[in-house]
Amino acid sequence: MAVRPVAPSALGRMVAKDPRLVFDLRNGTSPRDGLADKITAFFKIVEFTEARNA
């Protein structure tokens, strides 16, 4: 979100279909293993796509 302006709720929907995801993480909630894997995979895809388009 610091690199590209996107609303926290929009990011949560893109990653896990959960508009509260970013807010919950900011408040200290730990994601379950499956969700943590989804978050990691999402950011790897974004990173790969941006590197490829650079």
Protein backbone atom coordinates (compact mmCIF):
# COMPACT_ATOMS: atom_id res chain seq x y z
CA MET A 1 0.00 0.00 0.00
CA ALA A 2 2.97 2.29 0.52
CA VAL A 3 4.18 1.71 -3.04
CA ARG A 4 0.86 1.87 -4.82
CA PRO A 5 -2.16 3.74 -3.46
CA VAL A 6 -4.89 1.24 -2.77
CA ALA A 7 -7.56 1.35 -0.10
CA PRO A 8 -7.06 -1.14 2.74
CA SER A 9 -10.52 -2.59 2.18
CA ALA A 10 -9.84 -3.06 -1.55
CA LEU A 11 -6.57 -4.84 -0.81
CA GLY A 12 -8.32 -7.15 1.66
CA ARG A 13 -10.95 -7.98 -0.95
CA MET A 14 -8.30 -8.72 -3.59
CA VAL A 15 -6.29 -10.98 -1.29
CA ALA A 16 -8.95 -12.82 0.70
CA LYS A 17 -12.38 -11.44 -0.19
CA ASP A 18 -12.32 -9.80 3.25
CA PRO A 19 -12.56 -6.00 3.39
CA ARG A 20 -11.53 -6.05 7.08
CA LEU A 21 -8.31 -8.03 6.52
CA VAL A 22 -5.83 -5.13 6.63
CA PHE A 23 -7.60 -3.49 9.57
CA ASP A 24 -7.60 -6.76 11.53
CA LEU A 25 -3.90 -7.33 10.83
CA ARG A 26 -3.11 -3.77 11.92
CA ASN A 27 -4.97 -4.44 15.17
CA GLY A 28 -2.79 -7.46 15.93
CA THR A 29 -4.83 -10.35 14.58
CA SER A 30 -2.62 -13.17 13.29
CA PRO A 31 -3.75 -14.82 10.07
CA ARG A 32 -4.26 -18.56 9.98
CA ASP A 33 -1.67 -20.54 8.01
CA GLY A 34 -3.85 -20.80 4.91
CA LEU A 35 -4.53 -17.09 4.88
CA ALA A 36 -0.88 -16.25 5.50
CA ASP A 37 -0.01 -18.39 2.47
CA LYS A 38 -2.62 -16.53 0.35
CA ILE A 39 -1.19 -13.17 1.40
CA THR A 40 2.36 -14.25 0.59
CA ALA A 41 1.33 -15.67 -2.79
CA PHE A 42 -0.59 -12.51 -3.66
CA PHE A 43 2.41 -10.27 -3.01
CA LYS A 44 4.76 -12.59 -4.89
CA ILE A 45 2.47 -12.37 -7.92
CA VAL A 46 2.29 -8.57 -7.65
CA GLU A 47 6.08 -8.34 -7.29
CA PHE A 48 6.66 -10.65 -10.27
CA THR A 49 4.17 -8.74 -12.42
CA GLU A 50 5.72 -5.38 -11.57
CA ALA A 51 9.24 -6.66 -12.24
CA ARG A 52 8.15 -8.10 -15.56
CA ASN A 53 6.49 -4.84 -16.60
CA ALA A 54 9.45 -2.67 -15.58
